[in-house]
Each structure stands twice: as structure tokens, then as C-alpha cells.
């Protein structure tokens, strides 16, 4: 799997942005990616970054309505990546907090 196939997008919510101060970054990842693949993908995409730990969460789709029709959004997987203390920060998130 390519590194860009594993990491799909950053998650930018209030809770995710609050974690940046503690070097915790949140990403939307491929549903079949495991923690080792996520760690390698982050270190490949963002050079000079050292990952300490990866936590993954499978997010269930939420119920949505459009007029009288209702359905669910698709399920997705979220990864919270914690960097080592001496690691440099991820430049894409600089200036968000």
C-alpha cells in the first residue's frame, strides 16, 4: 500500500486541534490499515517526524436525513498519532492553534 493510500485526510475538529499542543495529530485513514502501516506512512509523508504511538478508532456512520428519506453516512477509521518528545512537528498543522 502506498503511504498516500493509508493516510486519507487530517481531521480538524476542536478536540483534534486541542491535541496538537501535546503532539497528538488526528487523521482519517484507510479502513484496512493497521497501526504499523499508519506509523510508516506518517514517517514517510512527513520527513523528520518520529512516531511514538498510534491509536485507532473505528467510527460508525451517523444517521442523516434528506427530506423524508433517511440513511447513514459511511463508516470510517480514525487514527490518533502521538509523536516523540524530540520529534519535529507536522508542518501542515502549524498555525491552527
PDB file of N, CA and C in Angstrom:
ATOM      1  N   UNK A   1       0.823  -1.180   0.000  1.00  0.00           N
ATOM      2  CA  UNK A   1       0.000   0.000   0.000  1.00  0.00           C
ATOM      3  C   UNK A   1       0.873   1.252   0.000  1.00  0.00           C
ATOM      4  N   UNK A   2       0.493   2.228  -0.791  1.00  0.00           N
ATOM      5  CA  UNK A   2       1.181   3.497  -0.861  1.00  0.00           C
ATOM      6  C   UNK A   2       0.871   4.301   0.408  1.00  0.00           C
ATOM      7  N   UNK A   3       1.806   5.161   0.831  1.00  0.00           N
ATOM      8  CA  UNK A   3       1.596   5.954   2.046  1.00  0.00           C
ATOM      9  C   UNK A   3       0.394   6.876   1.905  1.00  0.00           C
ATOM     10  N   UNK A   4       0.159   7.391   0.707  1.00  0.00           N
ATOM     11  CA  UNK A   4      -0.975   8.281   0.493  1.00  0.00           C
ATOM     12  C   UNK A   4      -2.301   7.522   0.386  1.00  0.00           C
ATOM     13  N   UNK A   5      -2.251   6.211   0.205  1.00  0.00           N
ATOM     14  CA  UNK A   5      -3.461   5.394   0.246  1.00  0.00           C
ATOM     15  C   UNK A   5      -3.862   5.075   1.686  1.00  0.00           C
ATOM     16  N   UNK A   6      -2.897   5.113   2.596  1.00  0.00           N
ATOM     17  CA  UNK A   6      -3.167   4.821   4.007  1.00  0.00           C
ATOM     18  C   UNK A   6      -3.715   6.059   4.709  1.00  0.00           C
ATOM     19  N   UNK A   7      -3.052   7.202   4.561  1.00  0.00           N
ATOM     20  CA  UNK A   7      -3.471   8.451   5.188  1.00  0.00           C
ATOM     21  C   UNK A   7      -4.362   9.194   4.206  1.00  0.00           C
ATOM     22  N   UNK A   8      -5.651   9.320   4.523  1.00  0.00           N
ATOM     23  CA  UNK A   8      -6.593   9.935   3.593  1.00  0.00           C
ATOM     24  C   UNK A   8      -6.725  11.443   3.794  1.00  0.00           C
ATOM     25  N   UNK A   9      -6.871  11.903   5.040  1.00  0.00           N
ATOM     26  CA  UNK A   9      -7.060  13.329   5.298  1.00  0.00           C
ATOM     27  C   UNK A   9      -6.836  13.621   6.777  1.00  0.00           C
ATOM     28  N   UNK A  10      -6.440  14.845   7.108  1.00  0.00           N
ATOM     29  CA  UNK A  10      -6.385  15.223   8.524  1.00  0.00           C
ATOM     30  C   UNK A  10      -7.783  15.501   9.044  1.00  0.00           C
ATOM     31  N   UNK A  11      -7.984  15.260  10.313  1.00  0.00           N
ATOM     32  CA  UNK A  11      -9.256  15.557  10.963  1.00  0.00           C
ATOM     33  C   UNK A  11      -9.082  16.866  11.717  1.00  0.00           C
ATOM     34  N   UNK A  12      -9.898  17.849  11.391  1.00  0.00           N
ATOM     35  CA  UNK A  12      -9.789  19.167  12.020  1.00  0.00           C
ATOM     36  C   UNK A  12     -11.080  19.448  12.786  1.00  0.00           C
ATOM     37  N   UNK A  13     -11.078  19.083  14.057  1.00  0.00           N
ATOM     38  CA  UNK A  13     -12.178  19.376  14.965  1.00  0.00           C
ATOM     39  C   UNK A  13     -11.589  20.100  16.175  1.00  0.00           C
ATOM     40  N   UNK A  14     -12.437  20.578  17.064  1.00  0.00           N
ATOM     41  CA  UNK A  14     -11.936  21.271  18.247  1.00  0.00           C
ATOM     42  C   UNK A  14     -11.063  20.358  19.095  1.00  0.00           C
ATOM     43  N   UNK A  15     -11.501  19.130  19.283  1.00  0.00           N
ATOM     44  CA  UNK A  15     -10.746  18.192  20.105  1.00  0.00           C
ATOM     45  C   UNK A  15      -9.427  17.816  19.448  1.00  0.00           C
ATOM     46  N   UNK A  16      -9.437  17.633  18.122  1.00  0.00           N
ATOM     47  CA  UNK A  16      -8.217  17.265  17.406  1.00  0.00           C
ATOM     48  C   UNK A  16      -7.202  18.401  17.434  1.00  0.00           C
ATOM     49  N   UNK A  17      -7.665  19.633  17.269  1.00  0.00           N
ATOM     50  CA  UNK A  17      -6.763  20.786  17.282  1.00  0.00           C
ATOM     51  C   UNK A  17      -6.210  21.016  18.687  1.00  0.00           C
ATOM     52  N   UNK A  18      -6.977  20.716  19.722  1.00  0.00           N
ATOM     53  CA  UNK A  18      -6.500  20.860  21.101  1.00  0.00           C
ATOM     54  C   UNK A  18      -5.374  19.870  21.391  1.00  0.00           C
ATOM     55  N   UNK A  19      -5.367  18.723  20.724  1.00  0.00           N
ATOM     56  CA  UNK A  19      -4.328  17.730  20.939  1.00  0.00           C
ATOM     57  C   UNK A  19      -3.004  18.063  20.295  1.00  0.00           C
ATOM     58  N   UNK A  20      -2.979  19.034  19.394  1.00  0.00           N
ATOM     59  CA  UNK A  20      -1.736  19.392  18.699  1.00  0.00           C
ATOM     60  C   UNK A  20      -0.696  19.918  19.685  1.00  0.00           C
ATOM     61  N   UNK A  21      -1.130  20.595  20.728  1.00  0.00           N
ATOM     62  CA  UNK A  21      -0.203  21.117  21.738  1.00  0.00           C
ATOM     63  C   UNK A  21       0.541  19.987  22.447  1.00  0.00           C
ATOM     64  N   UNK A  22      -0.071  18.812  22.520  1.00  0.00           N
ATOM     65  CA  UNK A  22       0.560  17.647  23.158  1.00  0.00           C
ATOM     66  C   UNK A  22       1.212  16.728  22.137  1.00  0.00           C
ATOM     67  N   UNK A  23       1.379  17.205  20.899  1.00  0.00           N
ATOM     68  CA  UNK A  23       1.950  16.439  19.789  1.00  0.00           C
ATOM     69  C   UNK A  23       1.109  15.217  19.447  1.00  0.00           C
ATOM     70  N   UNK A  24      -0.229  15.388  19.494  1.00  0.00           N
ATOM     71  CA  UNK A  24      -1.168  14.348  19.083  1.00  0.00           C
ATOM     72  C   UNK A  24      -1.910  14.852  17.859  1.00  0.00           C
ATOM     73  N   UNK A  25      -1.778  14.141  16.751  1.00  0.00           N
ATOM     74  CA  UNK A  25      -2.377  14.529  15.483  1.00  0.00           C
ATOM     75  C   UNK A  25      -3.392  13.481  15.061  1.00  0.00           C
ATOM     76  N   UNK A  26      -4.528  13.926  14.514  1.00  0.00           N
ATOM     77  CA  UNK A  26      -5.617  13.032  14.157  1.00  0.00           C
ATOM     78  C   UNK A  26      -5.777  12.992  12.644  1.00  0.00           C
ATOM     79  N   UNK A  27      -5.894  11.778  12.100  1.00  0.00           N
ATOM     80  CA  UNK A  27      -6.024  11.586  10.664  1.00  0.00           C
ATOM     81  C   UNK A  27      -7.150  10.615  10.358  1.00  0.00           C
ATOM     82  N   UNK A  28      -7.770  10.786   9.185  1.00  0.00           N
ATOM     83  CA  UNK A  28      -8.692   9.796   8.643  1.00  0.00           C
ATOM     84  C   UNK A  28      -7.837   8.838   7.829  1.00  0.00           C
ATOM     85  N   UNK A  29      -7.962   7.535   8.100  1.00  0.00           N
ATOM     86  CA  UNK A  29      -7.098   6.539   7.460  1.00  0.00           C
ATOM     87  C   UNK A  29      -7.945   5.484   6.741  1.00  0.00           C
ATOM     88  N   UNK A  30      -7.279   4.682   5.935  1.00  0.00           N
ATOM     89  CA  UNK A  30      -7.953   3.606   5.217  1.00  0.00           C
ATOM     90  C   UNK A  30      -8.507   2.594   6.218  1.00  0.00           C
ATOM     91  N   UNK A  31      -9.692   2.058   5.969  1.00  0.00           N
ATOM     92  CA  UNK A  31     -10.310   1.137   6.937  1.00  0.00           C
ATOM     93  C   UNK A  31      -9.528  -0.150   7.157  1.00  0.00           C
ATOM     94  N   UNK A  32      -8.734  -0.575   6.190  1.00  0.00           N
ATOM     95  CA  UNK A  32      -7.987  -1.823   6.341  1.00  0.00           C
ATOM     96  C   UNK A  32      -6.539  -1.593   6.777  1.00  0.00           C
ATOM     97  N   UNK A  33      -6.157  -0.366   7.107  1.00  0.00           N
ATOM     98  CA  UNK A  33      -4.790  -0.062   7.535  1.00  0.00           C
ATOM     99  C   UNK A  33      -4.604  -0.436   9.001  1.00  0.00           C
ATOM    100  N   UNK A  34      -3.429  -0.983   9.308  1.00  0.00           N
ATOM    101  CA  UNK A  34      -3.134  -1.297  10.703  1.00  0.00           C
ATOM    102  C   UNK A  34      -2.172  -0.246  11.276  1.00  0.00           C
ATOM    103  N   UNK A  35      -1.854  -0.363  12.570  1.00  0.00           N
ATOM    104  CA  UNK A  35      -1.057   0.653  13.254  1.00  0.00           C
ATOM    105  C   UNK A  35       0.358   0.764  12.685  1.00  0.00           C
ATOM    106  N   UNK A  36       0.937  -0.359  12.296  1.00  0.00           N
ATOM    107  CA  UNK A  36       2.292  -0.342  11.750  1.00  0.00           C
ATOM    108  C   UNK A  36       2.320   0.384  10.411  1.00  0.00           C
ATOM    109  N   UNK A  37       1.337   0.121   9.559  1.00  0.00           N
ATOM    110  CA  UNK A  37       1.258   0.804   8.266  1.00  0.00           C
ATOM    111  C   UNK A  37       1.017   2.304   8.442  1.00  0.00           C
ATOM    112  N   UNK A  38       0.205   2.673   9.421  1.00  0.00           N
ATOM    113  CA  UNK A  38      -0.072   4.085   9.672  1.00  0.00           C
ATOM    114  C   UNK A  38       1.195   4.789  10.140  1.00  0.00           C
ATOM    115  N   UNK A  39       1.934   4.161  11.037  1.00  0.00           N
ATOM    116  CA  UNK A  39       3.192   4.746  11.534  1.00  0.00           C
ATOM    117  C   UNK A  39       4.183   4.947  10.394  1.00  0.00           C
ATOM    118  N   UNK A  40       4.362   3.942   9.553  1.00  0.00           N
ATOM    119  CA  UNK A  40       5.295   4.050   8.433  1.00  0.00           C
ATOM    120  C   UNK A  40       4.850   5.120   7.437  1.00  0.00           C
ATOM    121  N   UNK A  41       3.539   5.238   7.207  1.00  0.00           N
ATOM    122  CA  UNK A  41       3.023   6.226   6.266  1.00  0.00           C
ATOM    123  C   UNK A  41       3.261   7.650   6.779  1.00  0.00           C
ATOM    124  N   UNK A  42       3.041   7.887   8.067  1.00  0.00           N
ATOM    125  CA  UNK A  42       3.265   9.217   8.639  1.00  0.00           C
ATOM    126  C   UNK A  42       4.735   9.588   8.549  1.00  0.00           C
ATOM    127  N   UNK A  43       5.622   8.656   8.875  1.00  0.00           N
ATOM    128  CA  UNK A  43       7.054   8.941   8.829  1.00  0.00           C
ATOM    129  C   UNK A  43       7.548   9.119   7.393  1.00  0.00           C
ATOM    130  N   UNK A  44       6.858   8.519   6.424  1.00  0.00           N
ATOM    131  CA  UNK A  44       7.235   8.684   5.016  1.00  0.00           C
ATOM    132  C   UNK A  44       6.743  10.022   4.470  1.00  0.00           C
ATOM    133  N   UNK A  45       5.493  10.361   4.749  1.00  0.00           N
ATOM    134  CA  UNK A  45       4.915  11.593   4.211  1.00  0.00           C
ATOM    135  C   UNK A  45       5.546  12.828   4.851  1.00  0.00           C
ATOM    136  N   UNK A  46       5.666  12.831   6.158  1.00  0.00           N
ATOM    137  CA  UNK A  46       6.221  13.975   6.886  1.00  0.00           C
ATOM    138  C   UNK A  46       7.635  13.610   7.342  1.00  0.00           C
ATOM    139  N   UNK A  47       8.630  14.022   6.575  1.00  0.00           N
ATOM    140  CA  UNK A  47      10.025  13.655   6.857  1.00  0.00           C
ATOM    141  C   UNK A  47      10.518  14.351   8.117  1.00  0.00           C
ATOM    142  N   UNK A  48      11.293  13.640   8.903  1.00  0.00           N
ATOM    143  CA  UNK A  48      11.827  14.174  10.142  1.00  0.00           C
ATOM    144  C   UNK A  48      10.920  13.987  11.338  1.00  0.00           C
ATOM    145  N   UNK A  49       9.782  13.331  11.138  1.00  0.00           N
ATOM    146  CA  UNK A  49       8.820  13.096  12.216  1.00  0.00           C
ATOM    147  C   UNK A  49       9.023  11.675  12.735  1.00  0.00           C
ATOM    148  N   UNK A  50       9.055  11.539  14.064  1.00  0.00           N
ATOM    149  CA  UNK A  50       9.194  10.224  14.688  1.00  0.00           C
ATOM    150  C   UNK A  50       7.932   9.931  15.492  1.00  0.00           C
ATOM    151  N   UNK A  51       7.273   8.826  15.166  1.00  0.00           N
ATOM    152  CA  UNK A  51       6.019   8.458  15.804  1.00  0.00           C
ATOM    153  C   UNK A  51       6.301   7.613  17.041  1.00  0.00           C
ATOM    154  N   UNK A  52       5.704   7.994  18.158  1.00  0.00           N
ATOM    155  CA  UNK A  52       5.847   7.233  19.394  1.00  0.00           C
ATOM    156  C   UNK A  52       4.768   6.163  19.496  1.00  0.00           C
ATOM    157  N   UNK A  53       3.509   6.541  19.167  1.00  0.00           N
ATOM    158  CA  UNK A  53       2.422   5.583  19.301  1.00  0.00           C
ATOM    159  C   UNK A  53       1.268   5.973  18.397  1.00  0.00           C
ATOM    160  N   UNK A  54       0.461   4.954  18.036  1.00  0.00           N
ATOM    161  CA  UNK A  54      -0.702   5.152  17.177  1.00  0.00           C
ATOM    162  C   UNK A  54      -1.907   4.493  17.840  1.00  0.00           C
ATOM    163  N   UNK A  55      -3.001   5.259  17.990  1.00  0.00           N
ATOM    164  CA  UNK A  55      -4.269   4.723  18.477  1.00  0.00           C
ATOM    165  C   UNK A  55      -5.271   4.811  17.344  1.00  0.00           C
ATOM    166  N   UNK A  56      -6.032   3.729  17.118  1.00  0.00           N
ATOM    167  CA  UNK A  56      -7.012   3.718  16.037  1.00  0.00           C
ATOM    168  C   UNK A  56      -8.414   3.546  16.613  1.00  0.00           C
ATOM    169  N   UNK A  57      -9.373   4.169  15.931  1.00  0.00           N
ATOM    170  CA  UNK A  57     -10.771   4.105  16.334  1.00  0.00           C
ATOM    171  C   UNK A  57     -11.605   3.864  15.092  1.00  0.00           C
ATOM    172  N   UNK A  58     -12.513   2.891  15.130  1.00  0.00           N
ATOM    173  CA  UNK A  58     -13.452   2.671  14.030  1.00  0.00           C
ATOM    174  C   UNK A  58     -14.707   3.476  14.323  1.00  0.00           C
ATOM    175  N   UNK A  59     -14.985   4.438  13.459  1.00  0.00           N
ATOM    176  CA  UNK A  59     -16.106   5.347  13.660  1.00  0.00           C
ATOM    177  C   UNK A  59     -17.318   4.833  12.894  1.00  0.00           C
ATOM    178  N   UNK A  60     -18.441   4.746  13.559  1.00  0.00           N
ATOM    179  CA  UNK A  60     -19.687   4.331  12.923  1.00  0.00           C
ATOM    180  C   UNK A  60     -20.301   5.511  12.176  1.00  0.00           C
ATOM    181  N   UNK A  61     -20.992   5.212  11.088  1.00  0.00           N
ATOM    182  CA  UNK A  61     -21.685   6.249  10.340  1.00  0.00           C
ATOM    183  C   UNK A  61     -22.857   6.792  11.132  1.00  0.00           C
ATOM    184  N   UNK A  62     -23.164   8.059  10.920  1.00  0.00           N
ATOM    185  CA  UNK A  62     -24.264   8.688  11.645  1.00  0.00           C
ATOM    186  C   UNK A  62     -25.514   8.756  10.771  1.00  0.00           C
ATOM    187  N   UNK A  63     -26.664   8.825  11.411  1.00  0.00           N
ATOM    188  CA  UNK A  63     -27.938   8.897  10.685  1.00  0.00           C
ATOM    189  C   UNK A  63     -28.119  10.307  10.137  1.00  0.00           C
ATOM    190  N   UNK A  64     -28.481  10.397   8.870  1.00  0.00           N
ATOM    191  CA  UNK A  64     -28.724  11.675   8.205  1.00  0.00           C
ATOM    192  C   UNK A  64     -30.065  11.627   7.485  1.00  0.00           C
ATOM    193  N   UNK A  65     -30.702  12.786   7.388  1.00  0.00           N
ATOM    194  CA  UNK A  65     -31.979  12.868   6.684  1.00  0.00           C
ATOM    195  C   UNK A  65     -31.884  13.877   5.565  1.00  0.00           C
ATOM    196  N   UNK A  66     -32.548  13.566   4.455  1.00  0.00           N
ATOM    197  CA  UNK A  66     -32.740  14.495   3.358  1.00  0.00           C
ATOM    198  C   UNK A  66     -34.224  14.467   3.026  1.00  0.00           C
ATOM    199  N   UNK A  67     -34.941  15.467   3.526  1.00  0.00           N
ATOM    200  CA  UNK A  67     -36.389  15.461   3.356  1.00  0.00           C
ATOM    201  C   UNK A  67     -37.002  14.305   4.128  1.00  0.00           C
ATOM    202  N   UNK A  68     -37.774  13.489   3.429  1.00  0.00           N
ATOM    203  CA  UNK A  68     -38.409  12.350   4.112  1.00  0.00           C
ATOM    204  C   UNK A  68     -37.557  11.094   4.050  1.00  0.00           C
ATOM    205  N   UNK A  69     -36.420  11.146   3.377  1.00  0.00           N
ATOM    206  CA  UNK A  69     -35.543   9.985   3.252  1.00  0.00           C
ATOM    207  C   UNK A  69     -34.452  10.052   4.304  1.00  0.00           C
ATOM    208  N   UNK A  70     -34.110   8.908   4.848  1.00  0.00           N
ATOM    209  CA  UNK A  70     -33.030   8.875   5.823  1.00  0.00           C
ATOM    210  C   UNK A  70     -32.105   7.723   5.517  1.00  0.00           C
ATOM    211  N   UNK A  71     -30.874   7.909   5.920  1.00  0.00           N
ATOM    212  CA  UNK A  71     -29.858   6.889   5.696  1.00  0.00           C
ATOM    213  C   UNK A  71     -28.692   7.135   6.632  1.00  0.00           C
ATOM    214  N   UNK A  72     -27.619   6.431   6.393  1.00  0.00           N
ATOM    215  CA  UNK A  72     -26.434   6.540   7.229  1.00  0.00           C
ATOM    216  C   UNK A  72     -25.241   6.947   6.386  1.00  0.00           C
ATOM    217  N   UNK A  73     -24.353   7.756   6.981  1.00  0.00           N
ATOM    218  CA  UNK A  73     -23.086   8.041   6.326  1.00  0.00           C
ATOM    219  C   UNK A  73     -22.209   6.795   6.447  1.00  0.00           C
ATOM    220  N   UNK A  74     -21.179   6.712   5.659  1.00  0.00           N
ATOM    221  CA  UNK A  74     -20.343   5.514   5.660  1.00  0.00           C
ATOM    222  C   UNK A  74     -19.461   5.459   6.906  1.00  0.00           C
ATOM    223  N   UNK A  75     -19.131   4.240   7.329  1.00  0.00           N
ATOM    224  CA  UNK A  75     -18.215   4.031   8.442  1.00  0.00           C
ATOM    225  C   UNK A  75     -16.810   4.424   7.998  1.00  0.00           C
ATOM    226  N   UNK A  76     -15.976   4.859   8.956  1.00  0.00           N
ATOM    227  CA  UNK A  76     -14.610   5.248   8.628  1.00  0.00           C
ATOM    228  C   UNK A  76     -13.702   4.986   9.815  1.00  0.00           C
ATOM    229  N   UNK A  77     -12.405   5.090   9.580  1.00  0.00           N
ATOM    230  CA  UNK A  77     -11.422   4.791  10.607  1.00  0.00           C
ATOM    231  C   UNK A  77     -10.591   6.034  10.890  1.00  0.00           C
ATOM    232  N   UNK A  78     -10.351   6.285  12.174  1.00  0.00           N
ATOM    233  CA  UNK A  78      -9.606   7.448  12.627  1.00  0.00           C
ATOM    234  C   UNK A  78      -8.363   6.974  13.364  1.00  0.00           C
ATOM    235  N   UNK A  79      -7.251   7.694  13.179  1.00  0.00           N
ATOM    236  CA  UNK A  79      -6.007   7.368  13.876  1.00  0.00           C
ATOM    237  C   UNK A  79      -5.504   8.606  14.596  1.00  0.00           C
ATOM    238  N   UNK A  80      -5.159   8.437  15.873  1.00  0.00           N
ATOM    239  CA  UNK A  80      -4.541   9.498  16.656  1.00  0.00           C
ATOM    240  C   UNK A  80      -3.066   9.136  16.795  1.00  0.00           C
ATOM    241  N   UNK A  81      -2.215   9.960  16.203  1.00  0.00           N
ATOM    242  CA  UNK A  81      -0.777   9.691  16.150  1.00  0.00           C
ATOM    243  C   UNK A  81      -0.078  10.584  17.162  1.00  0.00           C
ATOM    244  N   UNK A  82       0.672   9.980  18.087  1.00  0.00           N
ATOM    245  CA  UNK A  82       1.436  10.715  19.079  1.00  0.00           C
ATOM    246  C   UNK A  82       2.897  10.689  18.667  1.00  0.00           C
ATOM    247  N   UNK A  83       3.517  11.876  18.623  1.00  0.00           N
ATOM    248  CA  UNK A  83       4.917  11.985  18.229  1.00  0.00           C
ATOM    249  C   UNK A  83       5.821  11.931  19.449  1.00  0.00           C
ATOM    250  N   UNK A  84       7.093  11.583  19.228  1.00  0.00           N
ATOM    251  CA  UNK A  84       8.074  11.570  20.305  1.00  0.00           C
ATOM    252  C   UNK A  84       8.371  12.998  20.735  1.00  0.00           C
ATOM    253  N   UNK A  85       8.882  13.157  21.959  1.00  0.00           N
ATOM    254  CA  UNK A  85       9.153  14.478  22.514  1.00  0.00           C
ATOM    255  C   UNK A  85      10.175  15.255  21.685  1.00  0.00           C
ATOM    256  N   UNK A  86      11.216  14.582  21.190  1.00  0.00           N
ATOM    257  CA  UNK A  86      12.275  15.268  20.444  1.00  0.00           C
ATOM    258  C   UNK A  86      11.985  15.349  18.949  1.00  0.00           C
ATOM    259  N   UNK A  87      10.839  14.885  18.519  1.00  0.00           N
ATOM    260  CA  UNK A  87      10.461  14.913  17.107  1.00  0.00           C
ATOM    261  C   UNK A  87      10.019  16.317  16.710  1.00  0.00           C
ATOM    262  N   UNK A  88      10.225  16.649  15.439  1.00  0.00           N
ATOM    263  CA  UNK A  88       9.716  17.948  14.973  1.00  0.00           C
ATOM    264  C   UNK A  88       8.213  17.834  14.716  1.00  0.00           C
ATOM    265  N   UNK A  89       7.535  18.972  14.653  1.00  0.00           N
ATOM    266  CA  UNK A  89       6.085  18.973  14.483  1.00  0.00           C
ATOM    267  C   UNK A  89       5.723  18.789  13.012  1.00  0.00           C
ATOM    268  N   UNK A  90       4.462  18.490  12.760  1.00  0.00           N
ATOM    269  CA  UNK A  90       3.979  18.341  11.387  1.00  0.00           C
ATOM    270  C   UNK A  90       3.618  19.734  10.875  1.00  0.00           C
ATOM    271  N   UNK A  91       4.231  20.130   9.765  1.00  0.00           N
ATOM    272  CA  UNK A  91       4.111  21.499   9.266  1.00  0.00           C
ATOM    273  C   UNK A  91       2.695  21.832   8.796  1.00  0.00           C
ATOM    274  N   UNK A  92       1.927  20.853   8.346  1.00  0.00           N
ATOM    275  CA  UNK A  92       0.575  21.116   7.853  1.00  0.00           C
ATOM    276  C   UNK A  92      -0.346  21.627   8.962  1.00  0.00           C
ATOM    277  N   UNK A  93      -0.054  21.305  10.203  1.00  0.00           N
ATOM    278  CA  UNK A  93      -0.908  21.695  11.316  1.00  0.00           C
ATOM    279  C   UNK A  93      -0.433  22.970  12.008  1.00  0.00           C
ATOM    280  N   UNK A  94       0.708  23.522  11.627  1.00  0.00           N
ATOM    281  CA  UNK A  94       1.225  24.728  12.265  1.00  0.00           C
ATOM    282  C   UNK A  94       0.289  25.900  11.985  1.00  0.00           C
ATOM    283  N   UNK A  95       0.049  26.713  12.995  1.00  0.00           N
ATOM    284  CA  UNK A  95      -0.813  27.864  12.846  1.00  0.00           C
ATOM    285  C   UNK A  95      -2.283  27.582  13.094  1.00  0.00           C
ATOM    286  N   UNK A  96      -2.642  26.356  13.487  1.00  0.00           N
ATOM    287  CA  UNK A  96      -4.045  26.033  13.743  1.00  0.00           C
ATOM    288  C   UNK A  96      -4.453  26.343  15.177  1.00  0.00           C
ATOM    289  N   UNK A  97      -3.492  26.469  16.059  1.00  0.00           N
ATOM    290  CA  UNK A  97      -3.853  26.717  17.455  1.00  0.00           C
ATOM    291  C   UNK A  97      -3.185  27.960  17.982  1.00  0.00           C
TER     292      UNK A  97
END
